[in-house]
Amino acid sequence: MIVDSTSYGGDDTETVKKFLSPVLKIIPACHKCRACVHACREYAIVFGLSDLEVDRKKCATRYFKNGECIDCAAACHLGAIALEWFEFKNGKIIPCD
């Protein structure tokens, strides 16, 4: 599901695009098996020095081109990854409230 919402404020038109992206929710459950890394077709997930790092622009690109992708969360056999909504707004990516 692709969500586009446009808000109008006078002469300024602002487009907000929302998309799902992975977040490591249960840190102790993650054993760094990298199943999520291998499942990601956009190569958007890597493990940094201590934590999961997600290139959300790559995530957003996949989401807007092909629709919803849950491969990373489905690959996590421990359920440590959750998908959360983010907004692509004015060239920046921020978590939705």
PDB file of N, CA and C in Angstrom:
ATOM      1  N   MET A   1       0.839  -1.167   0.000  1.00  0.00           N
ATOM      2  CA  MET A   1       0.000   0.000   0.000  1.00  0.00           C
ATOM      3  C   MET A   1       0.891   1.238   0.000  1.00  0.00           C
ATOM      4  N   ILE A   2       0.740   2.087  -1.003  1.00  0.00           N
ATOM      5  CA  ILE A   2       1.489   3.327  -1.086  1.00  0.00           C
ATOM      6  C   ILE A   2       0.578   4.444  -0.624  1.00  0.00           C
ATOM      7  N   VAL A   3       1.054   5.228   0.313  1.00  0.00           N
ATOM      8  CA  VAL A   3       0.251   6.307   0.877  1.00  0.00           C
ATOM      9  C   VAL A   3       0.854   7.628   0.437  1.00  0.00           C
ATOM     10  N   ASP A   4       0.099   8.407  -0.317  1.00  0.00           N
ATOM     11  CA  ASP A   4       0.495   9.762  -0.678  1.00  0.00           C
ATOM     12  C   ASP A   4      -0.525  10.698  -0.081  1.00  0.00           C
ATOM     13  N   SER A   5      -0.057  11.708   0.599  1.00  0.00           N
ATOM     14  CA  SER A   5      -0.991  12.697   1.102  1.00  0.00           C
ATOM     15  C   SER A   5      -0.446  14.066   0.760  1.00  0.00           C
ATOM     16  N   THR A   6      -1.304  14.953   0.349  1.00  0.00           N
ATOM     17  CA  THR A   6      -0.892  16.299   0.003  1.00  0.00           C
ATOM     18  C   THR A   6      -1.637  17.273   0.886  1.00  0.00           C
ATOM     19  N   SER A   7      -0.902  18.177   1.486  1.00  0.00           N
ATOM     20  CA  SER A   7      -1.551  19.200   2.298  1.00  0.00           C
ATOM     21  C   SER A   7      -1.324  20.541   1.616  1.00  0.00           C
ATOM     22  N   TYR A   8      -2.293  21.390   1.715  1.00  0.00           N
ATOM     23  CA  TYR A   8      -2.222  22.686   1.062  1.00  0.00           C
ATOM     24  C   TYR A   8      -2.167  23.768   2.110  1.00  0.00           C
ATOM     25  N   GLY A   9      -1.200  24.630   2.001  1.00  0.00           N
ATOM     26  CA  GLY A   9      -1.082  25.745   2.930  1.00  0.00           C
ATOM     27  C   GLY A   9      -0.841  27.017   2.151  1.00  0.00           C
ATOM     28  N   GLY A  10      -1.885  27.681   1.737  1.00  0.00           N
ATOM     29  CA  GLY A  10      -1.752  28.886   0.930  1.00  0.00           C
ATOM     30  C   GLY A  10      -1.243  28.537  -0.453  1.00  0.00           C
ATOM     31  N   ASP A  11      -0.168  29.199  -0.884  1.00  0.00           N
ATOM     32  CA  ASP A  11       0.401  28.952  -2.199  1.00  0.00           C
ATOM     33  C   ASP A  11       1.376  27.778  -2.191  1.00  0.00           C
ATOM     34  N   ASP A  12       1.812  27.364  -1.009  1.00  0.00           N
ATOM     35  CA  ASP A  12       2.788  26.283  -0.902  1.00  0.00           C
ATOM     36  C   ASP A  12       2.089  24.937  -0.902  1.00  0.00           C
ATOM     37  N   THR A  13       2.553  24.058  -1.782  1.00  0.00           N
ATOM     38  CA  THR A  13       2.022  22.705  -1.821  1.00  0.00           C
ATOM     39  C   THR A  13       3.127  21.769  -1.362  1.00  0.00           C
ATOM     40  N   GLU A  14       2.803  20.928  -0.423  1.00  0.00           N
ATOM     41  CA  GLU A  14       3.785  20.038   0.157  1.00  0.00           C
ATOM     42  C   GLU A  14       3.287  18.610   0.011  1.00  0.00           C
ATOM     43  N   THR A  15       4.101  17.748  -0.593  1.00  0.00           N
ATOM     44  CA  THR A  15       3.731  16.355  -0.744  1.00  0.00           C
ATOM     45  C   THR A  15       4.477  15.523   0.289  1.00  0.00           C
ATOM     46  N   VAL A  16       3.746  14.700   0.985  1.00  0.00           N
ATOM     47  CA  VAL A  16       4.318  13.808   1.985  1.00  0.00           C
ATOM     48  C   VAL A  16       4.064  12.387   1.528  1.00  0.00           C
ATOM     49  N   LYS A  17       5.132  11.607   1.417  1.00  0.00           N
ATOM     50  CA  LYS A  17       4.990  10.198   1.056  1.00  0.00           C
ATOM     51  C   LYS A  17       5.365   9.360   2.264  1.00  0.00           C
ATOM     52  N   LYS A  18       4.522   8.390   2.561  1.00  0.00           N
ATOM     53  CA  LYS A  18       4.766   7.519   3.707  1.00  0.00           C
ATOM     54  C   LYS A  18       5.132   6.129   3.212  1.00  0.00           C
ATOM     55  N   PHE A  19       6.017   5.477   3.960  1.00  0.00           N
ATOM     56  CA  PHE A  19       6.461   4.133   3.592  1.00  0.00           C
ATOM     57  C   PHE A  19       6.846   3.354   4.840  1.00  0.00           C
ATOM     58  N   LEU A  20       6.860   2.035   4.717  1.00  0.00           N
ATOM     59  CA  LEU A  20       7.277   1.163   5.811  1.00  0.00           C
ATOM     60  C   LEU A  20       8.764   0.868   5.698  1.00  0.00           C
ATOM     61  N   SER A  21       9.433   0.844   6.840  1.00  0.00           N
ATOM     62  CA  SER A  21      10.855   0.550   6.872  1.00  0.00           C
ATOM     63  C   SER A  21      11.162  -0.207   8.165  1.00  0.00           C
ATOM     64  N   PRO A  22      12.180  -1.090   8.125  1.00  0.00           N
ATOM     65  CA  PRO A  22      12.470  -1.912   9.308  1.00  0.00           C
ATOM     66  C   PRO A  22      13.132  -1.144  10.448  1.00  0.00           C
ATOM     67  N   VAL A  23      12.797  -1.566  11.655  1.00  0.00           N
ATOM     68  CA  VAL A  23      13.391  -1.029  12.876  1.00  0.00           C
ATOM     69  C   VAL A  23      13.678  -2.223  13.784  1.00  0.00           C
ATOM     70  N   LEU A  24      14.867  -2.270  14.333  1.00  0.00           N
ATOM     71  CA  LEU A  24      15.208  -3.332  15.283  1.00  0.00           C
ATOM     72  C   LEU A  24      14.527  -3.010  16.592  1.00  0.00           C
ATOM     73  N   LYS A  25      13.477  -3.747  16.934  1.00  0.00           N
ATOM     74  CA  LYS A  25      12.658  -3.448  18.103  1.00  0.00           C
ATOM     75  C   LYS A  25      13.076  -4.210  19.344  1.00  0.00           C
ATOM     76  N   ILE A  26      13.461  -5.448  19.175  1.00  0.00           N
ATOM     77  CA  ILE A  26      13.792  -6.279  20.338  1.00  0.00           C
ATOM     78  C   ILE A  26      15.282  -6.592  20.252  1.00  0.00           C
ATOM     79  N   ILE A  27      16.089  -5.663  20.713  1.00  0.00           N
ATOM     80  CA  ILE A  27      17.535  -5.762  20.552  1.00  0.00           C
ATOM     81  C   ILE A  27      18.117  -7.033  21.167  1.00  0.00           C
ATOM     82  N   PRO A  28      17.713  -7.455  22.389  1.00  0.00           N
ATOM     83  CA  PRO A  28      18.289  -8.684  22.944  1.00  0.00           C
ATOM     84  C   PRO A  28      17.951  -9.937  22.126  1.00  0.00           C
ATOM     85  N   ALA A  29      16.860  -9.902  21.379  1.00  0.00           N
ATOM     86  CA  ALA A  29      16.469 -11.062  20.583  1.00  0.00           C
ATOM     87  C   ALA A  29      17.320 -11.210  19.329  1.00  0.00           C
ATOM     88  N   CYS A  30      17.913 -10.116  18.867  1.00  0.00           N
ATOM     89  CA  CYS A  30      18.702 -10.149  17.633  1.00  0.00           C
ATOM     90  C   CYS A  30      20.042 -10.840  17.885  1.00  0.00           C
ATOM     91  N   HIS A  31      20.286 -11.897  17.128  1.00  0.00           N
ATOM     92  CA  HIS A  31      21.543 -12.638  17.252  1.00  0.00           C
ATOM     93  C   HIS A  31      22.500 -12.314  16.113  1.00  0.00           C
ATOM     94  N   LYS A  32      22.154 -11.277  15.335  1.00  0.00           N
ATOM     95  CA  LYS A  32      22.970 -10.829  14.207  1.00  0.00           C
ATOM     96  C   LYS A  32      23.242 -11.953  13.211  1.00  0.00           C
ATOM     97  N   CYS A  33      22.208 -12.723  12.923  1.00  0.00           N
ATOM     98  CA  CYS A  33      22.339 -13.806  11.955  1.00  0.00           C
ATOM     99  C   CYS A  33      22.378 -13.288  10.522  1.00  0.00           C
ATOM    100  N   ARG A  34      21.948 -12.039  10.342  1.00  0.00           N
ATOM    101  CA  ARG A  34      21.955 -11.341   9.067  1.00  0.00           C
ATOM    102  C   ARG A  34      20.941 -11.879   8.053  1.00  0.00           C
ATOM    103  N   ALA A  35      19.938 -12.585   8.524  1.00  0.00           N
ATOM    104  CA  ALA A  35      18.874 -13.050   7.624  1.00  0.00           C
ATOM    105  C   ALA A  35      18.178 -11.867   6.970  1.00  0.00           C
ATOM    106  N   CYS A  36      17.981 -10.794   7.728  1.00  0.00           N
ATOM    107  CA  CYS A  36      17.338  -9.595   7.184  1.00  0.00           C
ATOM    108  C   CYS A  36      18.211  -8.941   6.112  1.00  0.00           C
ATOM    109  N   VAL A  37      19.516  -8.940   6.331  1.00  0.00           N
ATOM    110  CA  VAL A  37      20.454  -8.354   5.368  1.00  0.00           C
ATOM    111  C   VAL A  37      20.366  -9.099   4.043  1.00  0.00           C
ATOM    112  N   HIS A  38      20.359 -10.413   4.112  1.00  0.00           N
ATOM    113  CA  HIS A  38      20.314 -11.231   2.895  1.00  0.00           C
ATOM    114  C   HIS A  38      18.950 -11.183   2.212  1.00  0.00           C
ATOM    115  N   ALA A  39      17.904 -10.936   2.963  1.00  0.00           N
ATOM    116  CA  ALA A  39      16.552 -10.893   2.396  1.00  0.00           C
ATOM    117  C   ALA A  39      16.267  -9.582   1.671  1.00  0.00           C
ATOM    118  N   CYS A  40      16.988  -8.530   2.004  1.00  0.00           N
ATOM    119  CA  CYS A  40      16.724  -7.206   1.430  1.00  0.00           C
ATOM    120  C   CYS A  40      17.239  -7.122  -0.003  1.00  0.00           C
ATOM    121  N   ARG A  41      16.303  -6.943  -0.934  1.00  0.00           N
ATOM    122  CA  ARG A  41      16.654  -6.870  -2.355  1.00  0.00           C
ATOM    123  C   ARG A  41      17.274  -5.540  -2.744  1.00  0.00           C
ATOM    124  N   GLU A  42      17.141  -4.545  -1.887  1.00  0.00           N
ATOM    125  CA  GLU A  42      17.680  -3.212  -2.185  1.00  0.00           C
ATOM    126  C   GLU A  42      19.033  -2.976  -1.504  1.00  0.00           C
ATOM    127  N   TYR A  43      19.517  -3.959  -0.775  1.00  0.00           N
ATOM    128  CA  TYR A  43      20.777  -3.823  -0.028  1.00  0.00           C
ATOM    129  C   TYR A  43      20.719  -2.606   0.898  1.00  0.00           C
ATOM    130  N   ALA A  44      19.575  -2.424   1.521  1.00  0.00           N
ATOM    131  CA  ALA A  44      19.351  -1.272   2.389  1.00  0.00           C
ATOM    132  C   ALA A  44      19.737  -1.538   3.837  1.00  0.00           C
ATOM    133  N   ILE A  45      20.011  -2.788   4.183  1.00  0.00           N
ATOM    134  CA  ILE A  45      20.296  -3.141   5.576  1.00  0.00           C
ATOM    135  C   ILE A  45      21.727  -3.651   5.703  1.00  0.00           C
ATOM    136  N   VAL A  46      22.437  -3.103   6.674  1.00  0.00           N
ATOM    137  CA  VAL A  46      23.777  -3.578   7.011  1.00  0.00           C
ATOM    138  C   VAL A  46      23.888  -3.582   8.533  1.00  0.00           C
ATOM    139  N   PHE A  47      24.845  -4.324   9.035  1.00  0.00           N
ATOM    140  CA  PHE A  47      25.133  -4.264  10.463  1.00  0.00           C
ATOM    141  C   PHE A  47      26.345  -3.389  10.658  1.00  0.00           C
ATOM    142  N   GLY A  48      26.179  -2.352  11.460  1.00  0.00           N
ATOM    143  CA  GLY A  48      27.282  -1.458  11.797  1.00  0.00           C
ATOM    144  C   GLY A  48      28.099  -2.073  12.907  1.00  0.00           C
ATOM    145  N   LEU A  49      28.792  -1.237  13.626  1.00  0.00           N
ATOM    146  CA  LEU A  49      29.632  -1.730  14.711  1.00  0.00           C
ATOM    147  C   LEU A  49      28.834  -2.439  15.785  1.00  0.00           C
ATOM    148  N   SER A  50      27.640  -1.930  16.075  1.00  0.00           N
ATOM    149  CA  SER A  50      26.887  -2.545  17.160  1.00  0.00           C
ATOM    150  C   SER A  50      25.408  -2.728  16.867  1.00  0.00           C
ATOM    151  N   ASP A  51      24.931  -2.232  15.729  1.00  0.00           N
ATOM    152  CA  ASP A  51      23.490  -2.231  15.534  1.00  0.00           C
ATOM    153  C   ASP A  51      23.139  -2.321  14.051  1.00  0.00           C
ATOM    154  N   LEU A  52      21.904  -2.584  13.816  1.00  0.00           N
ATOM    155  CA  LEU A  52      21.341  -2.624  12.479  1.00  0.00           C
ATOM    156  C   LEU A  52      21.287  -1.213  11.907  1.00  0.00           C
ATOM    157  N   GLU A  53      21.746  -1.036  10.680  1.00  0.00           N
ATOM    158  CA  GLU A  53      21.666   0.260  10.025  1.00  0.00           C
ATOM    159  C   GLU A  53      20.845   0.095   8.757  1.00  0.00           C
ATOM    160  N   VAL A  54      19.878   0.991   8.570  1.00  0.00           N
ATOM    161  CA  VAL A  54      18.986   0.917   7.429  1.00  0.00           C
ATOM    162  C   VAL A  54      19.128   2.185   6.597  1.00  0.00           C
ATOM    163  N   ASP A  55      19.382   2.014   5.314  1.00  0.00           N
ATOM    164  CA  ASP A  55      19.395   3.143   4.383  1.00  0.00           C
ATOM    165  C   ASP A  55      17.943   3.360   3.976  1.00  0.00           C
ATOM    166  N   ARG A  56      17.267   4.248   4.643  1.00  0.00           N
ATOM    167  CA  ARG A  56      15.832   4.433   4.443  1.00  0.00           C
ATOM    168  C   ARG A  56      15.493   4.993   3.061  1.00  0.00           C
ATOM    169  N   LYS A  57      16.436   5.674   2.425  1.00  0.00           N
ATOM    170  CA  LYS A  57      16.180   6.144   1.059  1.00  0.00           C
ATOM    171  C   LYS A  57      16.053   4.960   0.104  1.00  0.00           C
ATOM    172  N   LYS A  58      16.878   3.939   0.301  1.00  0.00           N
ATOM    173  CA  LYS A  58      16.772   2.731  -0.524  1.00  0.00           C
ATOM    174  C   LYS A  58      15.446   2.030  -0.240  1.00  0.00           C
ATOM    175  N   CYS A  59      15.067   1.994   1.032  1.00  0.00           N
ATOM    176  CA  CYS A  59      13.789   1.400   1.435  1.00  0.00           C
ATOM    177  C   CYS A  59      12.632   2.139   0.765  1.00  0.00           C
ATOM    178  N   ALA A  60      12.675   3.453   0.827  1.00  0.00           N
ATOM    179  CA  ALA A  60      11.613   4.269   0.246  1.00  0.00           C
ATOM    180  C   ALA A  60      11.530   4.068  -1.256  1.00  0.00           C
ATOM    181  N   THR A  61      12.678   4.007  -1.919  1.00  0.00           N
ATOM    182  CA  THR A  61      12.700   3.812  -3.372  1.00  0.00           C
ATOM    183  C   THR A  61      12.015   2.507  -3.745  1.00  0.00           C
ATOM    184  N   ARG A  62      12.335   1.452  -3.044  1.00  0.00           N
ATOM    185  CA  ARG A  62      11.706   0.145  -3.316  1.00  0.00           C
ATOM    186  C   ARG A  62      10.201   0.225  -3.080  1.00  0.00           C
ATOM    187  N   TYR A  63       9.828   0.835  -1.973  1.00  0.00           N
ATOM    188  CA  TYR A  63       8.416   0.922  -1.588  1.00  0.00           C
ATOM    189  C   TYR A  63       7.608   1.691  -2.626  1.00  0.00           C
ATOM    190  N   PHE A  64       8.141   2.823  -3.096  1.00  0.00           N
ATOM    191  CA  PHE A  64       7.392   3.651  -4.037  1.00  0.00           C
ATOM    192  C   PHE A  64       7.378   3.064  -5.438  1.00  0.00           C
ATOM    193  N   LYS A  65       8.383   2.280  -5.798  1.00  0.00           N
ATOM    194  CA  LYS A  65       8.417   1.657  -7.129  1.00  0.00           C
ATOM    195  C   LYS A  65       7.579   0.390  -7.196  1.00  0.00           C
ATOM    196  N   ASN A  66       7.700  -0.447  -6.176  1.00  0.00           N
ATOM    197  CA  ASN A  66       7.122  -1.792  -6.236  1.00  0.00           C
ATOM    198  C   ASN A  66       6.056  -2.089  -5.189  1.00  0.00           C
ATOM    199  N   GLY A  67       5.783  -1.161  -4.310  1.00  0.00           N
ATOM    200  CA  GLY A  67       4.799  -1.406  -3.270  1.00  0.00           C
ATOM    201  C   GLY A  67       5.428  -1.988  -2.015  1.00  0.00           C
ATOM    202  N   GLU A  68       4.585  -2.392  -1.124  1.00  0.00           N
ATOM    203  CA  GLU A  68       5.005  -2.860   0.193  1.00  0.00           C
ATOM    204  C   GLU A  68       5.998  -4.015   0.110  1.00  0.00           C
ATOM    205  N   CYS A  69       7.010  -3.947   0.938  1.00  0.00           N
ATOM    206  CA  CYS A  69       8.014  -5.006   1.024  1.00  0.00           C
ATOM    207  C   CYS A  69       8.181  -5.366   2.491  1.00  0.00           C
ATOM    208  N   ILE A  70       8.031  -6.637   2.815  1.00  0.00           N
ATOM    209  CA  ILE A  70       8.181  -7.089   4.200  1.00  0.00           C
ATOM    210  C   ILE A  70       9.243  -8.183   4.317  1.00  0.00           C
ATOM    211  N   ASP A  71      10.085  -8.303   3.303  1.00  0.00           N
ATOM    212  CA  ASP A  71      11.052  -9.399   3.250  1.00  0.00           C
ATOM    213  C   ASP A  71      11.975  -9.451   4.465  1.00  0.00           C
ATOM    214  N   CYS A  72      12.471  -8.299   4.903  1.00  0.00           N
ATOM    215  CA  CYS A  72      13.411  -8.290   6.025  1.00  0.00           C
ATOM    216  C   CYS A  72      12.741  -8.759   7.316  1.00  0.00           C
ATOM    217  N   ALA A  73      11.554  -8.242   7.577  1.00  0.00           N
ATOM    218  CA  ALA A  73      10.839  -8.620   8.803  1.00  0.00           C
ATOM    219  C   ALA A  73      10.428 -10.093   8.750  1.00  0.00           C
ATOM    220  N   ALA A  74      10.026 -10.565   7.574  1.00  0.00           N
ATOM    221  CA  ALA A  74       9.627 -11.966   7.434  1.00  0.00           C
ATOM    222  C   ALA A  74      10.818 -12.907   7.603  1.00  0.00           C
ATOM    223  N   ALA A  75      12.004 -12.447   7.227  1.00  0.00           N
ATOM    224  CA  ALA A  75      13.199 -13.286   7.320  1.00  0.00           C
ATOM    225  C   ALA A  75      13.712 -13.435   8.751  1.00  0.00           C
ATOM    226  N   CYS A  76      13.348 -12.505   9.621  1.00  0.00           N
ATOM    227  CA  CYS A  76      13.820 -12.548  11.008  1.00  0.00           C
ATOM    228  C   CYS A  76      13.039 -13.615  11.771  1.00  0.00           C
ATOM    229  N   HIS A  77      13.681 -14.737  12.005  1.00  0.00           N
ATOM    230  CA  HIS A  77      13.002 -15.858  12.667  1.00  0.00           C
ATOM    231  C   HIS A  77      12.801 -15.624  14.167  1.00  0.00           C
ATOM    232  N   LEU A  78      13.408 -14.561  14.710  1.00  0.00           N
ATOM    233  CA  LEU A  78      13.253 -14.251  16.125  1.00  0.00           C
ATOM    234  C   LEU A  78      12.252 -13.124  16.380  1.00  0.00           C
ATOM    235  N   GLY A  79      11.760 -12.500  15.309  1.00  0.00           N
ATOM    236  CA  GLY A  79      10.787 -11.430  15.455  1.00  0.00           C
ATOM    237  C   GLY A  79      11.363 -10.144  16.026  1.00  0.00           C
ATOM    238  N   ALA A  80      12.657  -9.927  15.843  1.00  0.00           N
ATOM    239  CA  ALA A  80      13.305  -8.741  16.402  1.00  0.00           C
ATOM    240  C   ALA A  80      13.076  -7.492  15.555  1.00  0.00           C
ATOM    241  N   ILE A  81      12.642  -7.672  14.307  1.00  0.00           N
ATOM    242  CA  ILE A  81      12.444  -6.534  13.405  1.00  0.00           C
ATOM    243  C   ILE A  81      10.964  -6.232  13.259  1.00  0.00           C
ATOM    244  N   ALA A  82      10.642  -4.958  13.394  1.00  0.00           N
ATOM    245  CA  ALA A  82       9.273  -4.487  13.156  1.00  0.00           C
ATOM    246  C   ALA A  82       9.319  -3.498  11.999  1.00  0.00           C
ATOM    247  N   LEU A  83       8.223  -3.393  11.292  1.00  0.00           N
ATOM    248  CA  LEU A  83       8.109  -2.394  10.230  1.00  0.00           C
ATOM    249  C   LEU A  83       7.342  -1.201  10.778  1.00  0.00           C
ATOM    250  N   GLU A  84       7.901  -0.030  10.609  1.00  0.00           N
ATOM    251  CA  GLU A  84       7.257   1.185  11.097  1.00  0.00           C
ATOM    252  C   GLU A  84       7.128   2.176   9.955  1.00  0.00           C
ATOM    253  N   TRP A  85       6.171   3.087  10.112  1.00  0.00           N
ATOM    254  CA  TRP A  85       5.927   4.105   9.105  1.00  0.00           C
ATOM    255  C   TRP A  85       6.924   5.243   9.242  1.00  0.00           C
ATOM    256  N   PHE A  86       7.436   5.683   8.087  1.00  0.00           N
ATOM    257  CA  PHE A  86       8.303   6.844   7.983  1.00  0.00           C
ATOM    258  C   PHE A  86       7.727   7.760   6.919  1.00  0.00           C
ATOM    259  N   GLU A  87       8.107   9.031   6.972  1.00  0.00           N
ATOM    260  CA  GLU A  87       7.659  10.010   5.986  1.00  0.00           C
ATOM    261  C   GLU A  87       8.854  10.517   5.191  1.00  0.00           C
ATOM    262  N   PHE A  88       8.637  10.642   3.888  1.00  0.00           N
ATOM    263  CA  PHE A  88       9.611  11.282   3.021  1.00  0.00           C
ATOM    264  C   PHE A  88       9.033  12.652   2.719  1.00  0.00           C
ATOM    265  N   LYS A  89       9.633  13.681   3.292  1.00  0.00           N
ATOM    266  CA  LYS A  89       9.059  15.021   3.222  1.00  0.00           C
ATOM    267  C   LYS A  89      10.165  16.043   3.017  1.00  0.00           C
ATOM    268  N   ASN A  90      10.048  16.811   1.954  1.00  0.00           N
ATOM    269  CA  ASN A  90      11.049  17.841   1.644  1.00  0.00           C
ATOM    270  C   ASN A  90      12.469  17.270   1.588  1.00  0.00           C
ATOM    271  N   GLY A  91      12.612  16.078   1.035  1.00  0.00           N
ATOM    272  CA  GLY A  91      13.922  15.458   0.895  1.00  0.00           C
ATOM    273  C   GLY A  91      14.476  14.832   2.156  1.00  0.00           C
ATOM    274  N   LYS A  92      13.697  14.837   3.233  1.00  0.00           N
ATOM    275  CA  LYS A  92      14.144  14.247   4.493  1.00  0.00           C
ATOM    276  C   LYS A  92      13.240  13.087   4.877  1.00  0.00           C
ATOM    277  N   ILE A  93      13.812  12.143   5.585  1.00  0.00           N
ATOM    278  CA  ILE A  93      13.050  10.989   6.061  1.00  0.00           C
ATOM    279  C   ILE A  93      12.953  11.087   7.574  1.00  0.00           C
ATOM    280  N   ILE A  94      11.718  11.067   8.065  1.00  0.00           N
ATOM    281  CA  ILE A  94      11.486  11.168   9.503  1.00  0.00           C
ATOM    282  C   ILE A  94      10.463  10.110   9.930  1.00  0.00           C
ATOM    283  N   PRO A  95      10.541   9.638  11.170  1.00  0.00           N
ATOM    284  CA  PRO A  95       9.536   8.697  11.659  1.00  0.00           C
ATOM    285  C   PRO A  95       8.179   9.378  11.754  1.00  0.00           C
ATOM    286  N   CYS A  96       7.129   8.636  11.464  1.00  0.00           N
ATOM    287  CA  CYS A  96       5.766   9.157  11.632  1.00  0.00           C
ATOM    288  C   CYS A  96       5.419   9.168  13.113  1.00  0.00           C
ATOM    289  N   ASP A  97       4.554  10.074  13.483  1.00  0.00           N
ATOM    290  CA  ASP A  97       4.107  10.142  14.880  1.00  0.00           C
ATOM    291  C   ASP A  97       3.092   9.066  15.163  1.00  0.00           C
TER     292      ASP A  97
END
